[in-house]
Protein backbone atom coordinates (compact mmCIF):
# COMPACT_ATOMS: atom_id res chain seq x y z
CA UNK A 1 -44.01 -22.63 7.45
CA UNK A 2 -46.72 -24.34 9.54
CA UNK A 3 -46.88 -28.11 9.14
CA UNK A 4 -50.17 -29.58 7.90
CA UNK A 5 -50.74 -32.53 10.28
CA UNK A 6 -53.12 -34.37 7.96
CA UNK A 7 -50.77 -34.06 4.98
CA UNK A 8 -47.77 -35.16 7.03
CA UNK A 9 -49.65 -38.18 8.42
CA UNK A 10 -50.82 -39.12 4.93
CA UNK A 11 -47.23 -38.95 3.66
CA UNK A 12 -45.81 -40.98 6.56
CA UNK A 13 -48.20 -43.94 6.64
CA UNK A 14 -47.25 -45.57 3.31
CA UNK A 15 -43.56 -44.94 4.00
CA UNK A 16 -43.64 -47.02 7.18
CA UNK A 17 -45.15 -49.96 5.31
CA UNK A 18 -48.83 -49.07 5.48
CA UNK A 19 -51.52 -49.82 8.02
CA UNK A 20 -50.80 -53.56 8.15
CA UNK A 21 -47.23 -52.84 9.24
CA UNK A 22 -48.09 -50.52 12.17
CA UNK A 23 -48.47 -52.34 15.47
CA UNK A 24 -48.73 -49.34 17.83
CA UNK A 25 -48.74 -45.52 17.69
CA UNK A 26 -47.63 -43.15 20.47
CA UNK A 27 -45.68 -39.95 20.91
CA UNK A 28 -43.46 -38.13 23.41
CA UNK A 29 -42.51 -34.45 23.51
CA UNK A 30 -40.90 -34.44 20.06
CA UNK A 31 -41.26 -37.84 18.41
CA UNK A 32 -43.94 -39.93 16.74
CA UNK A 33 -43.23 -43.44 18.06
CA UNK A 34 -44.23 -46.39 15.90
CA UNK A 35 -43.72 -50.10 16.48
CA UNK A 36 -43.57 -51.88 13.12
CA UNK A 37 -44.35 -55.49 12.41
CA UNK A 38 -41.72 -55.65 9.65
CA UNK A 39 -39.15 -52.81 9.79
CA UNK A 40 -37.75 -53.87 6.41
CA UNK A 41 -40.94 -52.56 4.75
CA UNK A 42 -40.28 -48.97 5.91
CA UNK A 43 -38.37 -46.52 3.71
CA UNK A 44 -35.92 -44.60 5.89
CA UNK A 45 -34.62 -42.33 3.14
CA UNK A 46 -38.09 -41.26 2.03
CA UNK A 47 -39.19 -40.67 5.65
CA UNK A 48 -36.28 -38.27 6.23
CA UNK A 49 -37.27 -36.37 3.09
CA UNK A 50 -40.87 -35.71 4.21
CA UNK A 51 -41.34 -31.97 4.89
CA UNK A 52 -41.42 -31.30 8.61
CA UNK A 53 -39.46 -34.44 9.56
CA UNK A 54 -36.34 -33.41 11.52
CA UNK A 55 -34.79 -36.82 11.92
CA UNK A 56 -35.35 -40.55 12.20
CA UNK A 57 -34.56 -42.79 15.16
CA UNK A 58 -34.48 -46.55 14.62
CA UNK A 59 -34.09 -49.23 17.28
CA UNK A 60 -35.22 -52.64 16.11
CA UNK A 61 -38.96 -52.55 15.43
CA UNK A 62 -39.31 -49.14 17.13
CA UNK A 63 -39.19 -46.29 14.62
CA UNK A 64 -39.32 -42.76 16.02
CA UNK A 65 -39.90 -39.84 13.68
CA UNK A 66 -38.61 -36.53 15.09
CA UNK A 67 -41.16 -33.80 14.40
CA UNK A 68 -40.59 -31.29 17.19
CA UNK A 69 -42.71 -30.08 20.12
CA UNK A 70 -46.33 -29.19 19.46
CA UNK A 71 -46.18 -30.49 15.90
CA UNK A 72 -45.80 -34.09 17.06
CA UNK A 73 -49.07 -33.99 19.03
CA UNK A 74 -51.07 -32.81 16.03
CA UNK A 75 -49.39 -35.19 13.59
CA UNK A 76 -49.88 -38.15 15.94
CA UNK A 77 -53.59 -37.42 16.22
CA UNK A 78 -53.85 -37.16 12.45
CA UNK A 79 -51.81 -40.34 12.02
CA UNK A 80 -54.06 -42.25 14.40
CA UNK A 81 -57.09 -40.98 12.54
CA UNK A 82 -55.52 -42.05 9.26
CA UNK A 83 -54.82 -45.51 10.67
CA UNK A 84 -58.45 -45.86 11.75
CA UNK A 85 -59.75 -44.80 8.34
CA UNK A 86 -57.31 -46.70 6.12
CA UNK A 87 -58.03 -50.27 5.11
CA UNK A 88 -55.12 -52.64 5.57
CA UNK A 89 -53.31 -53.18 2.29
CA UNK A 90 -52.41 -56.70 1.20
CA UNK A 91 -48.98 -57.91 2.22
CA UNK A 92 -46.41 -57.43 -0.52
CA UNK A 93 -45.45 -60.48 -2.46
CA UNK A 94 -42.17 -62.09 -1.52
CA UNK A 95 -39.62 -61.63 -4.29
CA UNK A 96 -39.07 -64.69 -6.36
CA UNK A 97 -36.03 -66.74 -5.67
CA UNK A 98 -33.73 -68.54 -7.98
CA UNK A 99 -32.00 -67.75 -11.23
CA UNK A 100 -35.15 -66.23 -12.78
CA UNK A 101 -35.22 -63.38 -10.33
CA UNK A 102 -34.83 -59.91 -11.86
CA UNK A 103 -32.05 -57.47 -10.97
CA UNK A 104 -34.55 -55.25 -9.17
CA UNK A 105 -35.74 -58.17 -7.09
CA UNK A 106 -32.15 -59.14 -6.33
CA UNK A 107 -31.42 -55.61 -5.11
CA UNK A 108 -34.63 -55.50 -3.05
CA UNK A 109 -33.81 -58.80 -1.41
CA UNK A 110 -30.24 -57.70 -0.69
CA UNK A 111 -31.50 -54.46 0.82
CA UNK A 112 -33.93 -56.35 3.05
CA UNK A 113 -31.10 -58.62 4.22
CA UNK A 114 -28.91 -55.62 5.07
CA UNK A 115 -31.69 -53.88 7.00
CA UNK A 116 -32.47 -57.06 8.93
CA UNK A 117 -28.78 -57.52 9.79
CA UNK A 118 -28.62 -53.91 11.04
CA UNK A 119 -31.79 -54.42 13.08
CA UNK A 120 -30.36 -57.53 14.75
CA UNK A 121 -27.05 -55.77 15.44
CA UNK A 122 -28.80 -52.91 17.23
CA UNK A 123 -31.40 -54.97 19.08
CA UNK A 124 -28.94 -55.54 21.93
CA UNK A 125 -30.29 -56.72 25.30
CA UNK A 126 -29.22 -53.43 26.92
CA UNK A 127 -31.00 -51.21 24.38
CA UNK A 128 -34.06 -53.42 24.42
CA UNK A 129 -34.24 -53.34 28.23
CA UNK A 130 -33.78 -49.56 28.34
CA UNK A 131 -36.44 -49.05 25.69
CA UNK A 132 -38.92 -51.12 27.69
CA UNK A 133 -38.11 -49.34 30.95
CA UNK A 134 -38.59 -46.03 29.17
CA UNK A 135 -41.99 -47.23 27.94
CA UNK A 136 -42.98 -47.62 31.59
CA UNK A 137 -41.94 -44.13 32.72
CA UNK A 138 -42.33 -41.88 29.67
CA UNK A 139 -46.18 -41.85 29.85
CA UNK A 140 -45.87 -40.55 33.43
CA UNK A 141 -43.83 -37.48 32.49
CA UNK A 142 -46.79 -35.12 31.78
CA UNK A 143 -48.17 -35.74 35.28
CA UNK A 144 -44.71 -35.32 36.79
CA UNK A 145 -44.33 -31.99 34.99
CA UNK A 146 -47.75 -30.68 35.99
CA UNK A 147 -47.47 -31.75 39.62
CA UNK A 148 -43.86 -30.55 39.82
CA UNK A 149 -44.76 -27.06 38.62
CA UNK A 150 -47.66 -26.85 41.08
CA UNK A 151 -45.33 -28.00 43.87
CA UNK A 152 -42.88 -25.24 42.95
CA UNK A 153 -45.62 -22.58 42.89
CA UNK A 154 -46.92 -23.84 46.22
CA UNK A 155 -43.43 -23.63 47.71
CA UNK A 156 -43.10 -20.00 46.61
CA UNK A 157 -46.48 -19.17 48.15
CA UNK A 158 -45.57 -20.87 51.42
CA UNK A 159 -42.21 -19.08 51.64
CA UNK A 160 -43.84 -15.74 50.93
CA UNK A 161 -46.76 -16.34 53.29
CA UNK A 162 -49.26 -15.65 50.50
CA UNK A 163 -52.72 -17.19 50.01
CA UNK A 164 -52.67 -19.40 53.12
CA UNK A 165 -56.20 -20.59 52.29
CA UNK A 166 -55.01 -22.00 48.93
CA UNK A 167 -51.70 -23.68 49.82
CA UNK A 168 -53.22 -26.76 51.55
CA UNK A 169 -55.28 -27.45 48.44
CA UNK A 170 -52.27 -26.98 46.16
CA UNK A 171 -50.28 -29.34 48.39
CA UNK A 172 -52.93 -32.03 47.97
CA UNK A 173 -53.18 -31.53 44.20
CA UNK A 174 -49.40 -31.52 43.70
CA UNK A 175 -48.60 -34.40 46.06
CA UNK A 176 -51.36 -36.94 45.35
CA UNK A 177 -49.79 -38.29 42.15
CA UNK A 178 -46.35 -38.75 43.75
CA UNK A 179 -47.96 -40.52 46.70
CA UNK A 180 -49.49 -43.09 44.32
CA UNK A 181 -46.93 -43.12 41.53
CA UNK A 182 -46.04 -46.71 42.38
CA UNK A 183 -49.51 -47.80 41.24
CA UNK A 184 -49.11 -46.10 37.86
CA UNK A 185 -45.67 -47.64 37.43
CA UNK A 186 -47.19 -51.03 38.18
CA UNK A 187 -49.95 -50.57 35.61
CA UNK A 188 -47.50 -49.51 32.88
CA UNK A 189 -45.01 -52.25 33.73
CA UNK A 190 -47.59 -55.01 33.43
CA UNK A 191 -48.83 -53.54 30.16
CA UNK A 192 -45.31 -53.37 28.72
CA UNK A 193 -44.32 -56.89 29.78
CA UNK A 194 -47.44 -58.76 28.71
CA UNK A 195 -49.47 -58.84 31.92
CA UNK A 196 -52.88 -57.46 32.83
CA UNK A 197 -52.37 -53.79 33.74
CA UNK A 198 -54.78 -53.76 36.66
CA UNK A 199 -53.03 -56.78 38.24
CA UNK A 200 -49.70 -54.98 37.95
CA UNK A 201 -51.25 -51.95 39.62
CA UNK A 202 -52.79 -54.10 42.37
CA UNK A 203 -49.44 -55.66 43.27
CA UNK A 204 -47.57 -52.36 43.04
CA UNK A 205 -50.17 -50.74 45.34
CA UNK A 206 -48.84 -52.93 48.15
CA UNK A 207 -45.68 -50.77 48.16
CA UNK A 208 -47.62 -47.64 49.23
CA UNK A 209 -50.34 -49.30 51.32
CA UNK A 210 -50.20 -47.98 54.93
CA UNK A 211 -50.89 -51.47 56.30
CA UNK A 212 -47.41 -52.71 55.36
CA UNK A 213 -46.21 -51.01 58.53
CA UNK A 214 -47.52 -54.11 60.37
CA UNK A 215 -45.37 -56.50 58.30
CA UNK A 216 -41.85 -57.52 59.38
CA UNK A 217 -39.35 -58.75 56.79
CA UNK A 218 -35.72 -59.72 57.52
CA UNK A 219 -36.28 -58.64 61.11
CA UNK A 220 -37.22 -55.10 60.06
CA UNK A 221 -40.70 -53.57 60.02
CA UNK A 222 -41.58 -52.34 56.57
CA UNK A 223 -42.50 -48.71 55.89
CA UNK A 224 -45.16 -47.58 53.41
CA UNK A 225 -43.43 -46.53 50.20
CA UNK A 226 -40.26 -48.52 50.96
CA UNK A 227 -38.63 -49.39 47.64
CA UNK A 228 -40.57 -46.69 45.81
CA UNK A 229 -40.86 -46.90 42.05
CA UNK A 230 -38.10 -49.51 41.81
CA UNK A 231 -40.05 -51.79 44.13
CA UNK A 232 -43.23 -51.18 42.15
CA UNK A 233 -41.42 -51.93 38.90
CA UNK A 234 -40.04 -55.20 40.27
CA UNK A 235 -43.38 -56.23 41.80
CA UNK A 236 -45.37 -55.63 38.62
CA UNK A 237 -42.70 -57.30 36.48
CA UNK A 238 -42.90 -60.42 38.68
CA UNK A 239 -46.71 -60.30 38.52
CA UNK A 240 -46.59 -60.22 34.71
CA UNK A 241 -44.36 -63.30 34.60
CA UNK A 242 -46.48 -65.18 37.16
CA UNK A 243 -49.66 -64.36 35.24
CA UNK A 244 -48.17 -65.50 31.93
CA UNK A 245 -47.04 -68.73 33.58
CA UNK A 246 -50.53 -69.35 34.95
CA UNK A 247 -52.32 -68.81 31.65
CA UNK A 248 -53.11 -72.16 30.07
CA UNK A 249 -52.26 -74.18 33.16
CA UNK A 250 -55.76 -73.96 34.68
CA UNK A 251 -59.01 -75.19 33.11
CA UNK A 252 -60.75 -72.46 31.15
CA UNK A 253 -63.67 -72.39 33.58
CA UNK A 254 -61.33 -71.70 36.51
CA UNK A 255 -58.75 -69.50 34.78
CA UNK A 256 -60.70 -66.30 35.38
CA UNK A 257 -60.67 -67.05 39.11
CA UNK A 258 -57.36 -68.75 39.76
CA UNK A 259 -54.94 -66.81 37.51
CA UNK A 260 -55.58 -63.37 39.07
CA UNK A 261 -55.64 -64.88 42.57
CA UNK A 262 -52.35 -66.74 42.18
CA UNK A 263 -50.76 -63.75 40.48
CA UNK A 264 -51.63 -61.30 43.23
CA UNK A 265 -50.83 -63.79 46.01
CA UNK A 266 -47.42 -64.92 44.75
CA UNK A 267 -46.22 -61.53 43.53
CA UNK A 268 -47.71 -59.79 46.61
CA UNK A 269 -45.97 -62.02 49.11
CA UNK A 270 -42.71 -61.76 47.19
CA UNK A 271 -43.08 -57.97 47.26
CA UNK A 272 -43.59 -57.89 51.02
CA UNK A 273 -40.95 -60.46 51.94
CA UNK A 274 -38.20 -59.55 49.52
CA UNK A 275 -38.72 -56.98 46.81
CA UNK A 276 -39.63 -54.01 49.05
CA UNK A 277 -36.60 -54.61 51.23
CA UNK A 278 -34.22 -55.11 48.28
CA UNK A 279 -35.59 -52.19 46.29
CA UNK A 280 -35.50 -49.99 49.38
CA UNK A 281 -31.82 -50.79 49.81
CA UNK A 282 -31.12 -49.93 46.17
CA UNK A 283 -33.17 -46.71 46.36
CA UNK A 284 -31.30 -45.57 49.43
CA UNK A 285 -28.01 -46.32 47.73
CA UNK A 286 -29.08 -44.23 44.71
CA UNK A 287 -29.84 -41.21 46.87
CA UNK A 288 -26.66 -41.61 48.90
CA UNK A 289 -24.51 -42.02 45.80
CA UNK A 290 -25.96 -38.95 44.06
CA UNK A 291 -25.39 -36.81 47.17
CA UNK A 292 -21.88 -38.11 47.70
CA UNK A 293 -20.98 -37.65 44.04
CA UNK A 294 -21.85 -33.97 44.04
CA UNK A 295 -20.55 -33.24 47.55
CA UNK A 296 -17.10 -34.72 46.91
CA UNK A 297 -16.48 -34.60 43.15
CA UNK A 298 -19.02 -31.97 42.16
CA UNK A 299 -17.13 -30.04 39.48
CA UNK A 300 -15.69 -33.18 37.87
CA UNK A 301 -19.01 -35.04 38.11
CA UNK A 302 -20.82 -32.09 36.53
CA UNK A 303 -18.22 -31.90 33.75
CA UNK A 304 -18.67 -35.59 32.92
CA UNK A 305 -22.47 -35.66 33.20
CA UNK A 306 -23.01 -32.44 31.27
CA UNK A 307 -20.50 -33.37 28.58
CA UNK A 308 -21.68 -36.92 27.97
CA UNK A 309 -25.44 -36.41 28.10
CA UNK A 310 -25.87 -35.58 24.40
CA UNK A 311 -23.98 -38.74 23.34
CA UNK A 312 -26.08 -40.73 25.83
CA UNK A 313 -29.21 -39.34 24.22
CA UNK A 314 -27.84 -40.20 20.78
CA UNK A 315 -27.25 -43.81 21.89
CA UNK A 316 -30.54 -44.11 23.77
CA UNK A 317 -28.71 -44.86 27.05
CA UNK A 318 -30.19 -41.83 28.81
CA UNK A 319 -33.31 -43.91 29.42
CA UNK A 320 -31.49 -45.60 32.30
CA UNK A 321 -31.60 -42.30 34.18
CA UNK A 322 -35.42 -42.05 34.26
CA UNK A 323 -35.91 -44.42 37.24
CA UNK A 324 -33.00 -42.71 39.01
CA UNK A 325 -34.60 -39.27 38.61
CA UNK A 326 -37.94 -40.60 39.82
CA UNK A 327 -36.34 -42.32 42.80
CA UNK A 328 -34.51 -39.13 43.84
CA UNK A 329 -37.74 -37.10 43.54
CA UNK A 330 -39.52 -39.65 45.73
CA UNK A 331 -36.75 -39.67 48.34
CA UNK A 332 -35.51 -36.09 48.41
CA UNK A 333 -38.30 -34.13 46.75
CA UNK A 334 -36.11 -33.27 43.75
CA UNK A 335 -33.48 -34.74 41.46
CA UNK A 336 -30.08 -33.05 41.61
CA UNK A 337 -28.99 -34.72 38.39
CA UNK A 338 -31.47 -33.10 35.99
CA UNK A 339 -30.25 -29.47 36.20
CA UNK A 340 -26.70 -30.63 35.49
CA UNK A 341 -27.82 -32.78 32.53
CA UNK A 342 -29.87 -29.84 31.26
CA UNK A 343 -26.63 -27.98 30.63
CA UNK A 344 -26.12 -30.22 27.57
CA UNK A 345 -29.03 -28.39 25.96
CA UNK A 346 -27.40 -25.05 26.79
CA UNK A 347 -24.23 -26.11 24.97
CA UNK A 348 -26.37 -27.18 22.02
CA UNK A 349 -28.04 -23.74 21.90
CA UNK A 350 -24.67 -21.96 22.05
CA UNK A 351 -23.31 -24.10 19.22
CA UNK A 352 -26.38 -23.41 17.08
CA UNK A 353 -26.06 -19.65 17.62
CA UNK A 354 -22.41 -19.74 16.55
CA UNK A 355 -23.31 -21.63 13.38
CA UNK A 356 -26.09 -19.15 12.66
CA UNK A 357 -23.70 -16.19 12.92
CA UNK A 358 -20.73 -17.68 11.08
CA UNK A 359 -22.52 -19.48 8.24
CA UNK A 360 -24.35 -16.48 6.80
CA UNK A 361 -24.73 -18.01 3.34
CA UNK A 362 -26.18 -21.36 4.55
CA UNK A 363 -29.81 -20.35 4.05
CA UNK A 364 -31.41 -23.75 4.76
CA UNK A 365 -29.30 -24.29 7.88
CA UNK A 366 -30.12 -20.83 9.23
CA UNK A 367 -33.82 -21.47 8.59
CA UNK A 368 -33.60 -24.74 10.51
CA UNK A 369 -31.85 -23.02 13.43
CA UNK A 370 -34.47 -20.23 13.52
CA UNK A 371 -37.29 -22.76 13.73
CA UNK A 372 -35.55 -25.10 16.21
CA UNK A 373 -33.96 -22.53 18.54
CA UNK A 374 -37.11 -21.65 20.56
CA UNK A 375 -37.62 -25.32 21.36
CA UNK A 376 -33.92 -25.63 22.24
CA UNK A 377 -34.14 -22.74 24.70
CA UNK A 378 -37.04 -24.55 26.35
CA UNK A 379 -34.96 -27.72 26.67
CA UNK A 380 -36.24 -29.73 23.69
CA UNK A 381 -32.99 -30.52 21.93
CA UNK A 382 -33.90 -33.04 19.22
CA UNK A 383 -34.61 -30.46 16.48
CA UNK A 384 -31.16 -28.90 16.95
CA UNK A 385 -29.42 -32.24 17.39
CA UNK A 386 -30.89 -34.01 14.36
CA UNK A 387 -31.43 -30.96 12.20
CA UNK A 388 -28.20 -29.05 12.84
CA UNK A 389 -25.25 -30.29 14.92
CA UNK A 390 -25.22 -34.07 14.48
CA UNK A 391 -25.34 -34.10 10.65
CA UNK A 392 -22.46 -31.57 10.60
CA UNK A 393 -20.32 -33.61 13.00
CA UNK A 394 -17.86 -31.30 14.72
CA UNK A 395 -20.48 -28.84 16.07
CA UNK A 396 -21.99 -31.76 17.98
CA UNK A 397 -18.68 -32.16 19.85
CA UNK A 398 -18.38 -28.45 20.59
CA UNK A 399 -21.97 -28.50 21.88
CA UNK A 400 -20.88 -31.27 24.26
CA UNK A 401 -18.05 -29.00 25.45
CA UNK A 402 -20.61 -26.31 26.33
CA UNK A 403 -22.67 -28.86 28.25
CA UNK A 404 -19.59 -29.99 30.14
CA UNK A 405 -18.76 -26.40 31.15
CA UNK A 406 -22.28 -25.71 32.36
CA UNK A 407 -22.37 -28.98 34.29
CA UNK A 408 -19.03 -28.21 35.92
CA UNK A 409 -20.39 -24.80 36.99
CA UNK A 410 -23.35 -26.34 38.83
CA UNK A 411 -21.22 -29.18 40.15
CA UNK A 412 -18.70 -26.74 41.64
CA UNK A 413 -21.36 -24.95 43.64
CA UNK A 414 -22.86 -28.30 44.70
CA UNK A 415 -19.50 -29.03 46.33
CA UNK A 416 -19.96 -25.82 48.31
CA UNK A 417 -23.37 -26.96 49.52
CA UNK A 418 -25.51 -25.06 47.01
CA UNK A 419 -27.21 -27.92 45.19
CA UNK A 420 -29.82 -27.21 42.55
CA UNK A 421 -32.55 -29.80 42.05
CA UNK A 422 -35.71 -30.23 39.97
CA UNK A 423 -39.06 -31.39 41.33
CA UNK A 424 -39.99 -33.17 38.09
CA UNK A 425 -38.39 -34.68 35.00
CA UNK A 426 -39.07 -33.79 31.39
CA UNK A 427 -38.43 -30.07 30.93
CA UNK A 428 -35.01 -28.46 30.88
CA UNK A 429 -33.58 -25.18 29.61
CA UNK A 430 -35.77 -22.22 30.49
CA UNK A 431 -38.73 -24.51 31.11
CA UNK A 432 -36.95 -25.90 34.19
CA UNK A 433 -37.09 -22.62 36.13
CA UNK A 434 -40.57 -23.29 37.67
CA UNK A 435 -39.36 -26.73 38.84
CA UNK A 436 -36.16 -25.68 40.63
CA UNK A 437 -35.73 -26.71 44.24
CA UNK A 438 -32.97 -26.37 46.84
CA UNK A 439 -32.09 -25.45 50.40
CA UNK A 440 -31.08 -21.82 49.94
CA UNK A 441 -34.13 -20.07 48.55
CA UNK A 442 -35.36 -19.00 45.14
CA UNK A 443 -32.86 -16.13 44.50
CA UNK A 444 -29.91 -18.51 44.98
CA UNK A 445 -31.47 -21.19 42.77
CA UNK A 446 -32.24 -18.61 40.10
CA UNK A 447 -28.71 -17.24 40.14
CA UNK A 448 -27.02 -20.66 40.05
CA UNK A 449 -29.15 -22.18 37.33
CA UNK A 450 -28.95 -19.02 35.22
CA UNK A 451 -25.19 -19.01 35.67
CA UNK A 452 -25.00 -22.60 34.48
CA UNK A 453 -27.09 -21.86 31.39
CA UNK A 454 -25.00 -18.78 30.52
CA UNK A 455 -21.81 -20.80 30.95
CA UNK A 456 -23.14 -23.52 28.64
CA UNK A 457 -24.29 -20.96 26.05
CA UNK A 458 -20.98 -19.10 26.14
CA UNK A 459 -18.65 -22.10 25.96
CA UNK A 460 -20.79 -23.85 23.33
CA UNK A 461 -20.78 -20.69 21.22
CA UNK A 462 -17.05 -20.00 21.66
CA UNK A 463 -15.96 -23.62 21.08
CA UNK A 464 -18.06 -23.82 17.93
CA UNK A 465 -16.87 -20.45 16.67
CA UNK A 466 -13.20 -21.37 17.13
CA UNK A 467 -13.17 -25.11 16.38
CA UNK A 468 -16.55 -26.20 15.02
CA UNK A 469 -16.67 -24.54 11.61
CA UNK A 470 -14.22 -26.29 9.30
CA UNK A 471 -14.24 -26.02 5.53
CA UNK A 472 -16.00 -29.38 5.37
CA UNK A 473 -18.67 -28.18 7.77
CA UNK A 474 -19.04 -24.94 5.80
CA UNK A 475 -19.44 -26.84 2.52
CA UNK A 476 -22.00 -29.26 4.00
CA UNK A 477 -24.01 -26.49 5.60
CA UNK A 478 -24.02 -24.34 2.47
CA UNK A 479 -25.21 -27.32 0.41
CA UNK A 480 -28.14 -27.78 2.81
CA UNK A 481 -26.92 -31.10 4.17
CA UNK A 482 -27.92 -30.14 7.67
CA UNK A 483 -31.58 -30.50 6.80
CA UNK A 484 -31.49 -33.52 4.56
CA UNK A 485 -28.41 -35.62 5.09
CA UNK A 486 -28.67 -38.99 6.78
CA UNK A 487 -27.67 -39.06 10.41
CA UNK A 488 -24.47 -40.57 11.72
CA UNK A 489 -24.93 -44.10 12.95
CA UNK A 490 -24.12 -43.93 16.70
CA UNK A 491 -22.95 -47.46 17.28
CA UNK A 492 -20.82 -47.85 14.18
CA UNK A 493 -19.34 -44.42 13.58
CA UNK A 494 -19.56 -43.88 9.80
CA UNK A 495 -22.56 -42.27 8.14
CA UNK A 496 -25.36 -44.59 7.19
CA UNK A 497 -25.98 -45.33 3.56
CA UNK A 498 -28.94 -43.45 2.06
CA UNK A 499 -31.16 -46.53 1.88
CA UNK A 500 -30.31 -47.93 5.30
CA UNK A 501 -31.93 -46.62 8.50
CA UNK A 502 -29.50 -45.29 11.09
CA UNK A 503 -30.28 -46.34 14.66
CA UNK A 504 -30.31 -43.52 17.17
CA UNK A 505 -31.68 -42.63 20.58
CA UNK A 506 -35.07 -42.78 22.18
CA UNK A 507 -36.48 -40.19 24.39
């Protein structure tokens, strides 16, 4: 059944605390991302029960509602329209305190205390840092996808000797964004960390400016682009802190002149005489480490990466890989990690197919799988994770086994010198085919990546068929728990209580 975006948005807004409680609205490929002023005012149980909602992801004041690809874009637009049209409701009265407080008020206050305690427990420095880094890079993914696909098409045309009049233009269109990606990283970094976006972009632009070739730092002449996105991230972060330090320290009449000048000067010189060199060293180490890992421990590395990626997604720790992917694409033209990590989605698809075949009487579960499977084949795994395998428990583990097998397959051939890379991040599954890159031509890439997917499908299916369908799983699925049960809390283990939001990953 097709989701009505306006109806869904109208149902969601009061359940997240109303207009006055919404600080920002955004979306990624599958999730409506909201930052709430007071997370305790949101109703997690009611949100999960809204038709079309596949899951709920909570990390501090960031609430992410899993809606699925395509749907999330329409619902976000309707939600933003609803926010613009809705008048802010008055803040709810604080429950009375003291012996005269009613039982309902006592329960409400206790619930608020529990939710606040959970929020503090999950607002760890690591998760907060990863969420903020992700906020820098996630908005860049659409451009990375578009330019990556064009780069792949251009490569095929060049190899085939076709349309020689068009390939120079495609090269320019596909490469321009990557040549200036540092500027976009700088703009987003300053925005995320409280600075002026254009100042962050101005400082980050130093990293790619050709004139840096005339600058010598630590006895070495700098090269344009040295440090890449990591250097741009560090430069803009420093600029944001310098700008915030300057604000209020100059007279108001001079602030508009002195604050931008001092910000660009201090952060710019630090970028040239420290950050570019340091970030360049780190970037080189990242590329060297990724190459060494696959060349020497390929099968084992693929097994570990493919098997652990779904749990990393569940915990939100996969965000740490975004700068690594981007750095590898900058350095080597492709990231060798993404195709291996994409095998986790293949294991998830295999597990879902096994559940669909074995649980013939679980009508709601089979309906969920039918609707989520196309997205899963295209590499969007949240609908299957949050709607099928994670609520059932054991099938999530057997899906990880399929991902490990597919990753080991690609890792084994990487040890033999047949590495498979991707020219952009974002898509996986079948959607990754146009982005594949390597040293041995398209037929080899096609065969290897297809072999990895088939391995992940097969092992995920077989492991789930043999070990993933217990009597408990069968009873839960038949009762429809896979579409309505609360998710497992990733950092604590046991299922969350129905009135307490369960923290989970960001994407």
